[in-house]
Amino acid sequence: MTKTILINKANRIKDSYYKKTNFISTKDILNDEVLVEEETYKAYLELEKFLQSKNIIIGINSAYRSEEYQQQIYEDFCIKYGKEYADKIVAPVGTSEHHTGLAIDLALKINNEFIEDTQELEKCNHIFEEIHKYLEDFGFILRYPKDKENITGYPYEPWHIRYVGKFVAKIIAEKKYTLEEYLKEYSGIILVNKEKGMTSFDVVNEISHLFGIKRVGHTGTLDPLAEGVLLVAIGKATKVVELLTATYKEYIATVKLGIKTDTLDITGKVIATKEIPFLDSLEEVLSSFKKTYMQEVPIYSAVKVNGKKLYEYARNNEIVELPKKEVTIKNIELLDKTLDSFRFKALVSKGCYIRSLINDIGQCLNTYATMTSLTRTKQGSISIDKTNKLKEIKEGIYKIYEIDETLDIKTIVVTDEQCKKIYSGQKLPNIWNIDDKVIFKSKDNRLLGIYEQVDNELKVWKNFV
């Protein structure tokens, strides 16, 4: 269950939420039973203990609320403060964060008495401001900050804190986002050093869960055997995945000679063996692959034929004609060799399967060749030394790159007038002599969109506003 679930006036809670949420029963300041989501409660206890060391005593005024209880609160506020105030401060039934158990309304203990009345709590804002300094360290955010009512739909509530987890809370605090802004605006490219044993989809899932953002995608599949550079796009950056995928990629591969497997790599079943010749011509053979040619797609791949993935044919022992794709080997060089193996580095175009390249090399050497290891060392201009492993990213050791930092496309800062035209999706005259694509940014460094040249005019290719 993601801790960044967005519940507001436009997003009602769904019944399915409760099937995957664990609640802890505890006591509020009136000693009545109250429920809190399990992880949230553990974080609250740590926050409570820490604040005690600062001589600030907090208590739970409100946490989980059923829809019936939310309705009762609304009616009570109408009686006590009037309907206008109740409509302003009490969420409609089904749209309250308190339905999640992730939100807690704090009470303050002053002169040995807990204050729970909202109007009295508003007088203690100086104490709450001190509390707010530490929220991110325990995974909480101030859910309804000052001057953000037009975004959250609610006025400043210094007592209302929301658990999102430490990782996300630190980003929100640093960017001064609301939860709405974080989920809508936070985007970029994470440079991951994928480790062996994981699929590219596994990495995407880990990143999505860590950041609490659903829109996440990778830019070029790496098999579980492979490791190295994997660019992961978050949020709006997923719109440019195809541009990132289209770049040249550099690999270092290790090859075992004399055996052939059904997958063309060492993870597969050995289906044939052959004598290994002298490798005197190895460098010459490798050099002959600096070319563009039609490469046969391996049977164990996700490429579809007649609406069915090739690996499904393989697993069902069905015969299928393997398609061929045009690929370019821009550079290839031998790194080292033994009597029955060698290692090489290659710079290849989009769609090139290194397993297939190795198989083709083996045929030219009059033997079989199988890939035993593969490392993607570069994608476009991004080299492996700029990447971080998932463990490091989880520890906060990473950089999220802006789209224009990872694309080899000219970036132009536009005037306010041009900015207005981009906001409305209008064409622009090609006064910059752009021959393909261009990134437009505003004076305050906001990414506006990517335009492309069509008939010497610039038209929207991807809009980010």
Protein backbone atom coordinates (compact mmCIF):
# COMPACT_ATOMS: atom_id res chain seq x y z
CA MET A 1 0.00 0.00 0.00
CA THR A 2 1.51 3.30 -1.09
CA LYS A 3 1.82 5.94 1.60
CA THR A 4 1.36 8.69 -1.00
CA ILE A 5 -2.28 7.89 -1.73
CA LEU A 6 -4.01 11.17 -2.57
CA ILE A 7 -7.35 11.74 -0.89
CA ASN A 8 -8.92 15.15 -1.37
CA LYS A 9 -12.13 16.73 -2.64
CA ALA A 10 -11.43 15.39 -6.13
CA ASN A 11 -10.23 11.92 -5.05
CA ARG A 12 -12.50 9.79 -2.87
CA ILE A 13 -11.18 6.84 -0.92
CA LYS A 14 -11.90 3.41 -2.42
CA ASP A 15 -13.07 0.36 -0.49
CA SER A 16 -10.13 -1.63 -1.92
CA TYR A 17 -7.75 0.54 0.16
CA TYR A 18 -8.76 -1.20 3.37
CA LYS A 19 -8.01 -4.68 2.07
CA LYS A 20 -4.28 -3.97 2.08
CA THR A 21 -4.00 -1.67 5.11
CA ASN A 22 -3.18 -2.67 8.68
CA PHE A 23 -4.44 -0.56 11.57
CA ILE A 24 -3.23 -0.31 15.17
CA SER A 25 -5.66 0.38 18.01
CA THR A 26 -4.50 3.00 20.51
CA LYS A 27 -5.94 5.75 22.72
CA ASP A 28 -6.52 9.41 21.92
CA ILE A 29 -6.24 12.30 24.41
CA LEU A 30 -9.72 11.49 25.78
CA ASN A 31 -8.68 7.87 26.33
CA ASP A 32 -11.06 6.73 23.62
CA GLU A 33 -10.04 4.01 21.17
CA VAL A 34 -8.64 5.31 17.90
CA LEU A 35 -7.14 3.52 14.88
CA VAL A 36 -3.92 4.50 13.12
CA GLU A 37 -2.25 2.85 10.13
CA GLU A 38 0.50 0.59 11.49
CA GLU A 39 3.62 2.24 10.01
CA THR A 40 2.19 5.69 10.70
CA TYR A 41 1.67 4.85 14.36
CA LYS A 42 5.25 3.63 14.80
CA ALA A 43 6.53 6.87 13.26
CA TYR A 44 4.18 8.90 15.46
CA LEU A 45 5.55 7.27 18.63
CA GLU A 46 9.09 8.18 17.56
CA LEU A 47 8.03 11.77 16.86
CA GLU A 48 6.20 11.97 20.19
CA LYS A 49 9.25 10.72 22.09
CA PHE A 50 11.57 13.12 20.28
CA LEU A 51 9.34 16.13 20.95
CA GLN A 52 9.23 15.25 24.64
CA SER A 53 12.98 15.81 24.68
CA LYS A 54 12.18 19.32 23.38
CA ASN A 55 9.59 19.82 26.15
CA ILE A 56 6.73 19.63 23.66
CA ILE A 57 3.95 17.21 24.60
CA ILE A 58 1.67 16.05 21.82
CA GLY A 59 -1.29 13.69 21.73
CA ILE A 60 -3.62 12.20 19.15
CA ASN A 61 -6.73 14.31 18.76
CA SER A 62 -7.98 12.45 15.68
CA ALA A 63 -6.71 9.72 13.34
CA TYR A 64 -8.76 7.20 11.38
CA ARG A 65 -12.39 8.16 10.85
CA SER A 66 -15.20 6.10 9.40
CA GLU A 67 -17.48 7.81 6.93
CA GLU A 68 -20.23 7.86 9.55
CA TYR A 69 -17.91 9.55 12.05
CA GLN A 70 -16.82 12.09 9.43
CA GLN A 71 -20.46 12.99 8.85
CA GLN A 72 -20.99 13.43 12.60
CA ILE A 73 -17.97 15.75 12.83
CA TYR A 74 -19.36 17.88 10.00
CA GLU A 75 -22.72 18.17 11.73
CA ASP A 76 -21.06 19.02 15.07
CA PHE A 77 -18.98 21.76 13.42
CA CYS A 78 -22.10 23.19 11.81
CA ILE A 79 -23.75 23.45 15.23
CA LYS A 80 -20.65 24.78 17.01
CA TYR A 81 -19.13 27.11 14.41
CA GLY A 82 -21.73 27.48 11.66
CA LYS A 83 -22.10 25.86 8.25
CA GLU A 84 -19.76 28.31 6.46
CA TYR A 85 -16.84 27.46 8.76
CA ALA A 86 -17.69 23.73 8.66
CA ASP A 87 -17.70 23.69 4.84
CA LYS A 88 -14.34 25.44 4.85
CA ILE A 89 -12.52 23.16 7.27
CA VAL A 90 -14.29 19.75 7.32
CA ALA A 91 -13.82 17.41 4.37
CA PRO A 92 -16.91 15.94 2.72
CA VAL A 93 -17.58 12.31 3.62
CA GLY A 94 -15.33 9.97 1.60
CA THR A 95 -12.76 12.67 0.83
CA SER A 96 -11.11 13.07 4.22
CA GLU A 97 -7.50 12.00 4.69
CA HIS A 98 -8.57 10.64 8.04
CA HIS A 99 -10.28 7.75 6.22
CA THR A 100 -6.76 6.45 5.42
CA GLY A 101 -5.36 6.28 8.96
CA LEU A 102 -2.26 8.03 7.59
CA ALA A 103 -3.33 11.45 8.91
CA ILE A 104 -3.19 12.58 12.52
CA ASP A 105 -4.59 15.73 14.07
CA LEU A 106 -2.30 16.67 16.95
CA ALA A 107 -3.36 18.04 20.31
CA LEU A 108 -0.95 20.02 22.51
CA LYS A 109 -0.55 19.62 26.24
CA ILE A 110 -0.28 23.05 27.86
CA ASN A 111 -0.22 23.47 31.66
CA ASN A 112 -1.00 19.78 32.08
CA GLU A 113 -4.12 19.96 29.91
CA PHE A 114 -4.57 18.85 26.33
CA ILE A 115 -5.92 21.49 23.96
CA GLU A 116 -8.10 20.05 21.21
CA ASP A 117 -10.29 22.94 20.13
CA THR A 118 -9.14 24.13 16.70
CA GLN A 119 -9.56 27.81 17.47
CA GLU A 120 -7.51 27.41 20.66
CA LEU A 121 -4.88 25.40 18.80
CA GLU A 122 -4.55 28.20 16.25
CA LYS A 123 -3.23 30.38 19.10
CA CYS A 124 -0.36 27.89 19.59
CA ASN A 125 1.04 28.29 16.09
CA HIS A 126 4.54 29.09 17.42
CA ILE A 127 4.69 25.63 19.00
CA PHE A 128 3.46 23.94 15.85
CA GLU A 129 6.06 25.78 13.79
CA GLU A 130 8.72 24.22 16.01
CA ILE A 131 7.15 20.78 15.48
CA HIS A 132 7.08 21.29 11.70
CA LYS A 133 10.88 21.57 11.62
CA TYR A 134 11.21 17.90 12.53
CA LEU A 135 8.32 16.25 10.69
CA GLU A 136 10.35 15.06 7.68
CA ASP A 137 12.81 13.22 9.94
CA PHE A 138 9.96 10.93 10.98
CA GLY A 139 8.25 10.59 7.61
CA PHE A 140 5.51 13.20 8.12
CA ILE A 141 4.53 16.29 6.15
CA LEU A 142 2.42 19.30 7.06
CA ARG A 143 -0.53 18.42 4.87
CA TYR A 144 -2.21 21.84 4.65
CA PRO A 145 0.51 24.52 4.72
CA LYS A 146 0.09 28.29 4.51
CA ASP A 147 -0.80 29.94 1.22
CA LYS A 148 -1.59 26.63 -0.50
CA GLU A 149 -5.37 26.58 -0.08
CA ASN A 150 -5.87 26.94 -3.84
CA ILE A 151 -3.98 23.64 -4.25
CA THR A 152 -5.06 21.57 -1.22
CA GLY A 153 -8.58 22.96 -0.91
CA TYR A 154 -8.11 23.68 2.79
CA PRO A 155 -6.73 26.55 4.85
CA TYR A 156 -3.59 26.25 6.96
CA GLU A 157 -3.96 23.54 9.60
CA PRO A 158 -0.81 23.43 11.71
CA TRP A 159 -2.03 20.40 13.67
CA HIS A 160 -2.82 18.15 10.69
CA ILE A 161 0.17 15.94 9.82
CA ARG A 162 0.29 13.20 7.22
CA TYR A 163 2.59 10.19 6.98
CA VAL A 164 4.25 9.59 3.59
CA GLY A 165 7.51 7.90 4.67
CA LYS A 166 10.91 9.49 5.26
CA PHE A 167 12.09 9.24 1.66
CA VAL A 168 9.17 11.18 0.18
CA ALA A 169 8.82 13.53 3.18
CA LYS A 170 12.37 14.82 2.65
CA ILE A 171 11.69 15.56 -1.03
CA ILE A 172 8.43 17.35 -0.23
CA ALA A 173 10.13 19.42 2.49
CA GLU A 174 13.07 20.30 0.24
CA LYS A 175 10.84 21.33 -2.68
CA LYS A 176 8.22 22.97 -0.42
CA TYR A 177 5.56 20.94 -2.19
CA THR A 178 2.10 19.94 -1.10
CA LEU A 179 1.26 16.27 -1.69
CA GLU A 180 -0.75 17.34 -4.74
CA GLU A 181 2.24 19.22 -6.18
CA TYR A 182 4.63 16.35 -5.48
CA LEU A 183 2.50 13.79 -7.31
CA LYS A 184 1.89 16.14 -10.24
CA GLU A 185 5.17 18.03 -10.60
CA TYR A 186 8.01 15.83 -9.33
CA SER A 187 9.72 14.28 -12.33
CA GLY A 188 13.08 13.54 -13.87
CA ILE A 189 15.49 10.78 -14.77
CA ILE A 190 17.15 8.48 -12.22
CA LEU A 191 20.39 6.88 -13.39
CA VAL A 192 20.31 3.33 -12.04
CA ASN A 193 23.12 0.79 -12.02
CA LYS A 194 21.00 -2.33 -12.37
CA GLU A 195 22.37 -5.39 -10.66
CA LYS A 196 22.29 -8.98 -11.90
CA GLY A 197 19.25 -11.07 -11.02
CA MET A 198 16.72 -8.28 -11.43
CA THR A 199 14.54 -7.55 -14.43
CA SER A 200 14.21 -3.99 -15.68
CA PHE A 201 10.57 -4.15 -14.58
CA ASP A 202 11.72 -5.08 -11.05
CA VAL A 203 13.76 -1.87 -10.96
CA VAL A 204 10.80 0.20 -12.15
CA ASN A 205 8.60 -1.31 -9.43
CA GLU A 206 11.19 -0.57 -6.75
CA ILE A 207 11.55 3.06 -7.87
CA SER A 208 7.78 3.50 -8.15
CA HIS A 209 7.26 2.17 -4.63
CA LEU A 210 10.14 4.19 -3.18
CA PHE A 211 8.95 7.50 -4.62
CA GLY A 212 5.27 6.68 -4.26
CA ILE A 213 4.66 7.68 -7.88
CA LYS A 214 2.82 5.47 -10.39
CA ARG A 215 4.16 7.03 -13.60
CA VAL A 216 7.56 5.35 -13.86
CA GLY A 217 9.21 3.72 -16.88
CA HIS A 218 12.61 2.47 -18.03
CA THR A 219 14.47 3.28 -21.21
CA GLY A 220 15.84 0.09 -22.69
CA THR A 221 15.40 -3.40 -21.27
CA LEU A 222 18.25 -5.21 -19.54
CA ASP A 223 17.86 -8.97 -19.04
CA PRO A 224 18.26 -10.41 -15.51
CA LEU A 225 21.77 -11.62 -16.45
CA ALA A 226 22.81 -8.11 -17.46
CA GLU A 227 23.82 -5.19 -15.29
CA GLY A 228 24.70 -1.55 -15.72
CA VAL A 229 23.12 1.66 -16.96
CA LEU A 230 19.33 1.75 -16.81
CA LEU A 231 17.66 5.15 -17.11
CA VAL A 232 14.40 5.30 -15.17
CA ALA A 233 11.94 8.09 -15.94
CA ILE A 234 9.61 9.45 -13.27
CA GLY A 235 6.44 11.51 -13.72
CA LYS A 236 6.39 13.82 -16.73
CA ALA A 237 9.78 12.48 -17.83
CA THR A 238 8.06 9.27 -18.97
CA LYS A 239 6.93 11.31 -21.99
CA VAL A 240 10.48 11.28 -23.41
CA VAL A 241 11.30 7.60 -22.89
CA GLU A 242 11.32 6.99 -26.63
CA LEU A 243 14.00 9.67 -27.12
CA LEU A 244 16.20 8.20 -24.39
CA THR A 245 15.73 4.71 -25.78
CA ALA A 246 16.75 5.78 -29.28
CA THR A 247 20.32 6.66 -28.31
CA TYR A 248 23.41 4.49 -28.89
CA LYS A 249 24.37 2.12 -26.07
CA GLU A 250 27.79 0.79 -25.07
CA TYR A 251 28.27 -2.71 -23.65
CA ILE A 252 31.04 -4.91 -22.34
CA ALA A 253 30.30 -8.61 -22.86
CA THR A 254 32.03 -11.86 -22.01
CA VAL A 255 31.72 -14.81 -24.39
CA LYS A 256 32.09 -18.56 -23.89
CA LEU A 257 33.06 -20.42 -27.06
CA GLY A 258 32.14 -23.95 -28.15
CA ILE A 259 28.62 -24.08 -26.68
CA LYS A 260 25.18 -22.91 -27.80
CA THR A 261 22.17 -22.47 -25.53
CA ASP A 262 18.49 -22.02 -26.33
CA THR A 263 18.57 -18.48 -24.88
CA LEU A 264 21.95 -17.57 -26.46
CA ASP A 265 23.30 -16.83 -22.96
CA ILE A 266 24.69 -18.90 -20.12
CA THR A 267 21.33 -19.01 -18.28
CA GLY A 268 19.86 -21.24 -20.98
CA LYS A 269 19.95 -24.95 -21.73
CA VAL A 270 22.96 -26.18 -23.72
CA ILE A 271 21.61 -27.47 -27.04
CA ALA A 272 24.83 -27.94 -29.02
CA THR A 273 28.62 -28.01 -28.70
CA LYS A 274 31.38 -27.52 -31.24
CA GLU A 275 35.15 -27.56 -31.42
CA ILE A 276 36.87 -24.24 -30.73
CA PRO A 277 39.28 -23.11 -33.46
CA PHE A 278 42.39 -21.01 -32.97
CA LEU A 279 41.39 -17.41 -32.40
CA ASP A 280 44.02 -15.80 -34.61
CA SER A 281 41.30 -14.12 -36.69
CA LEU A 282 39.17 -12.94 -33.75
CA GLU A 283 40.05 -9.25 -34.02
CA GLU A 284 39.53 -9.31 -37.77
CA VAL A 285 36.10 -10.97 -37.33
CA LEU A 286 35.07 -8.45 -34.69
CA SER A 287 36.15 -5.57 -36.93
CA SER A 288 33.99 -6.97 -39.76
CA PHE A 289 30.91 -6.29 -37.61
CA LYS A 290 31.39 -2.53 -37.70
CA LYS A 291 28.44 -2.19 -40.01
CA THR A 292 24.68 -1.97 -40.39
CA TYR A 293 23.04 -5.34 -40.96
CA MET A 294 19.81 -7.30 -40.48
CA GLN A 295 20.06 -9.06 -37.15
CA GLU A 296 17.86 -12.00 -36.22
CA VAL A 297 15.87 -11.43 -33.02
CA PRO A 298 16.49 -14.17 -30.40
CA ILE A 299 13.62 -16.54 -29.66
CA TYR A 300 13.80 -15.65 -25.97
CA SER A 301 12.72 -12.03 -26.32
CA ALA A 302 9.56 -9.96 -25.86
CA VAL A 303 9.27 -9.07 -29.55
CA LYS A 304 5.80 -9.99 -30.82
CA VAL A 305 5.00 -12.08 -33.87
CA ASN A 306 1.31 -12.35 -34.78
CA GLY A 307 0.39 -10.73 -31.47
CA LYS A 308 2.35 -13.25 -29.40
CA LYS A 309 5.70 -12.73 -27.66
CA LEU A 310 8.56 -14.82 -29.00
CA TYR A 311 9.45 -16.30 -25.62
CA GLU A 312 5.90 -17.68 -25.44
CA TYR A 313 6.54 -19.63 -28.64
CA ALA A 314 9.81 -20.90 -27.14
CA ARG A 315 8.22 -22.03 -23.88
CA ASN A 316 5.47 -23.86 -25.79
CA ASN A 317 8.02 -25.48 -28.15
CA GLU A 318 6.26 -23.88 -31.12
CA ILE A 319 8.13 -23.20 -34.33
CA VAL A 320 8.07 -19.58 -35.48
CA GLU A 321 10.02 -17.65 -38.08
CA LEU A 322 12.26 -15.22 -36.24
CA PRO A 323 12.04 -11.62 -37.46
CA LYS A 324 15.09 -9.58 -38.40
CA LYS A 325 15.78 -5.97 -37.50
CA GLU A 326 18.26 -3.49 -38.89
CA VAL A 327 20.97 -2.67 -36.35
CA THR A 328 24.20 -0.73 -36.48
CA ILE A 329 27.42 -1.69 -34.73
CA LYS A 330 29.16 1.65 -34.56
CA ASN A 331 32.28 0.34 -32.86
CA ILE A 332 33.53 -2.98 -31.50
CA GLU A 333 36.88 -3.89 -29.95
CA LEU A 334 38.49 -6.88 -28.31
CA LEU A 335 39.43 -6.38 -24.65
CA ASP A 336 41.01 -9.75 -23.82
CA LYS A 337 40.83 -13.46 -24.68
CA THR A 338 41.68 -16.98 -23.49
CA LEU A 339 41.66 -20.29 -25.36
CA ASP A 340 37.89 -20.67 -25.01
CA SER A 341 36.53 -17.20 -24.22
CA PHE A 342 36.91 -13.52 -24.94
CA ARG A 343 35.64 -10.15 -23.79
CA PHE A 344 34.74 -7.21 -26.01
CA LYS A 345 33.27 -3.71 -25.93
CA ALA A 346 30.69 -2.54 -28.47
CA LEU A 347 28.75 0.63 -29.23
CA VAL A 348 25.43 -0.32 -30.84
CA SER A 349 22.16 1.18 -32.03
CA LYS A 350 18.70 0.82 -30.55
CA GLY A 351 17.27 -2.67 -30.88
CA CYS A 352 20.58 -4.51 -31.08
CA TYR A 353 20.66 -7.77 -29.11
CA ILE A 354 24.17 -8.46 -27.85
CA ARG A 355 23.25 -12.14 -27.50
CA SER A 356 22.45 -12.25 -31.20
CA LEU A 357 25.60 -10.32 -32.08
CA ILE A 358 27.67 -12.87 -30.15
CA ASN A 359 25.87 -15.73 -31.91
CA ASP A 360 26.66 -14.13 -35.26
CA ILE A 361 30.31 -13.68 -34.28
CA GLY A 362 30.47 -17.36 -33.34
CA GLN A 363 29.21 -18.36 -36.78
CA CYS A 364 31.95 -16.27 -38.40
CA LEU A 365 34.51 -18.03 -36.18
CA ASN A 366 33.07 -21.43 -37.28
CA THR A 367 32.03 -22.34 -33.73
CA TYR A 368 29.32 -21.59 -31.21
CA ALA A 369 29.44 -18.54 -28.96
CA THR A 370 27.33 -17.85 -25.86
CA MET A 371 27.14 -14.73 -23.73
CA THR A 372 28.18 -15.28 -20.09
CA SER A 373 28.04 -11.70 -18.79
CA LEU A 374 26.89 -8.30 -19.98
CA THR A 375 27.34 -4.79 -18.62
CA ARG A 376 25.78 -1.72 -20.20
CA THR A 377 28.46 0.89 -19.61
CA LYS A 378 26.85 3.82 -21.41
CA GLN A 379 23.51 4.97 -22.80
CA GLY A 380 23.76 8.06 -24.95
CA SER A 381 25.95 10.46 -22.98
CA ILE A 382 25.25 8.75 -19.63
CA SER A 383 28.12 6.56 -18.42
CA ILE A 384 28.01 3.98 -15.66
CA ASP A 385 30.11 6.10 -13.29
CA LYS A 386 27.16 8.52 -12.97
CA THR A 387 24.73 5.80 -11.87
CA ASN A 388 23.70 4.53 -8.45
CA LYS A 389 22.60 1.11 -7.29
CA LEU A 390 19.13 0.71 -5.81
CA LYS A 391 20.56 0.34 -2.31
CA GLU A 392 22.25 3.74 -2.62
CA ILE A 393 19.11 5.36 -4.02
CA LYS A 394 17.07 4.05 -1.07
CA GLU A 395 19.65 5.68 1.21
CA GLY A 396 19.16 9.01 -0.57
CA ILE A 397 22.39 8.78 -2.56
CA TYR A 398 21.28 9.76 -6.04
CA LYS A 399 20.61 12.69 -8.32
CA ILE A 400 17.41 13.19 -10.26
CA TYR A 401 18.26 14.69 -13.62
CA GLU A 402 16.11 17.15 -15.52
CA ILE A 403 14.94 16.03 -18.94
CA ASP A 404 17.19 18.53 -20.70
CA GLU A 405 20.23 17.17 -18.83
CA THR A 406 19.81 13.72 -20.34
CA LEU A 407 18.77 14.55 -23.89
CA ASP A 408 21.16 15.75 -26.57
CA ILE A 409 18.68 18.42 -27.70
CA LYS A 410 19.14 22.18 -27.76
CA THR A 411 17.46 24.03 -24.86
CA ILE A 412 16.11 27.56 -25.31
CA VAL A 413 14.77 29.93 -22.65
CA VAL A 414 11.77 31.77 -24.10
CA THR A 415 10.23 35.19 -23.47
CA ASP A 416 7.02 35.65 -21.47
CA GLU A 417 5.09 36.17 -24.70
CA GLN A 418 6.48 32.98 -26.24
CA CYS A 419 5.76 31.21 -22.97
CA LYS A 420 2.05 32.11 -23.25
CA LYS A 421 1.93 30.65 -26.75
CA ILE A 422 3.54 27.42 -25.56
CA TYR A 423 1.01 27.18 -22.72
CA SER A 424 -1.81 27.30 -25.27
CA GLY A 425 -0.06 24.84 -27.59
CA GLN A 426 0.45 27.30 -30.44
CA LYS A 427 2.98 26.91 -33.23
CA LEU A 428 6.09 29.08 -33.11
CA PRO A 429 8.10 30.51 -36.01
CA ASN A 430 11.45 28.75 -36.41
CA ILE A 431 13.56 31.83 -35.64
CA TRP A 432 16.25 29.63 -34.06
CA ASN A 433 16.78 27.53 -37.22
CA ILE A 434 15.96 24.26 -35.47
CA ASP A 435 16.24 21.28 -37.83
CA ASP A 436 14.74 18.58 -35.55
CA LYS A 437 13.62 19.09 -31.94
CA VAL A 438 14.10 21.78 -29.28
CA ILE A 439 13.41 22.01 -25.53
CA PHE A 440 11.73 25.19 -24.31
CA LYS A 441 12.10 26.45 -20.73
CA SER A 442 10.75 29.53 -18.98
CA LYS A 443 12.87 32.27 -17.39
CA ASP A 444 12.37 30.63 -14.00
CA ASN A 445 13.76 27.33 -15.38
CA ARG A 446 10.42 25.52 -15.71
CA LEU A 447 10.28 22.89 -18.43
CA LEU A 448 7.54 23.92 -20.87
CA GLY A 449 7.75 21.40 -23.65
CA ILE A 450 9.57 19.85 -26.57
CA TYR A 451 8.79 21.19 -30.04
CA GLU A 452 9.74 19.74 -33.40
CA GLN A 453 10.38 21.38 -36.75
CA VAL A 454 7.71 20.74 -39.37
CA ASP A 455 7.75 22.72 -42.62
CA ASN A 456 10.03 25.30 -40.97
CA GLU A 457 7.57 25.86 -38.14
CA LEU A 458 7.88 24.58 -34.60
CA LYS A 459 4.99 22.42 -33.41
CA VAL A 460 4.33 20.77 -30.05
CA TRP A 461 5.87 17.32 -29.76
CA LYS A 462 5.46 16.92 -25.98
CA ASN A 463 3.86 19.47 -23.69
CA PHE A 464 4.78 19.63 -19.99
CA VAL A 465 2.56 22.52 -18.85
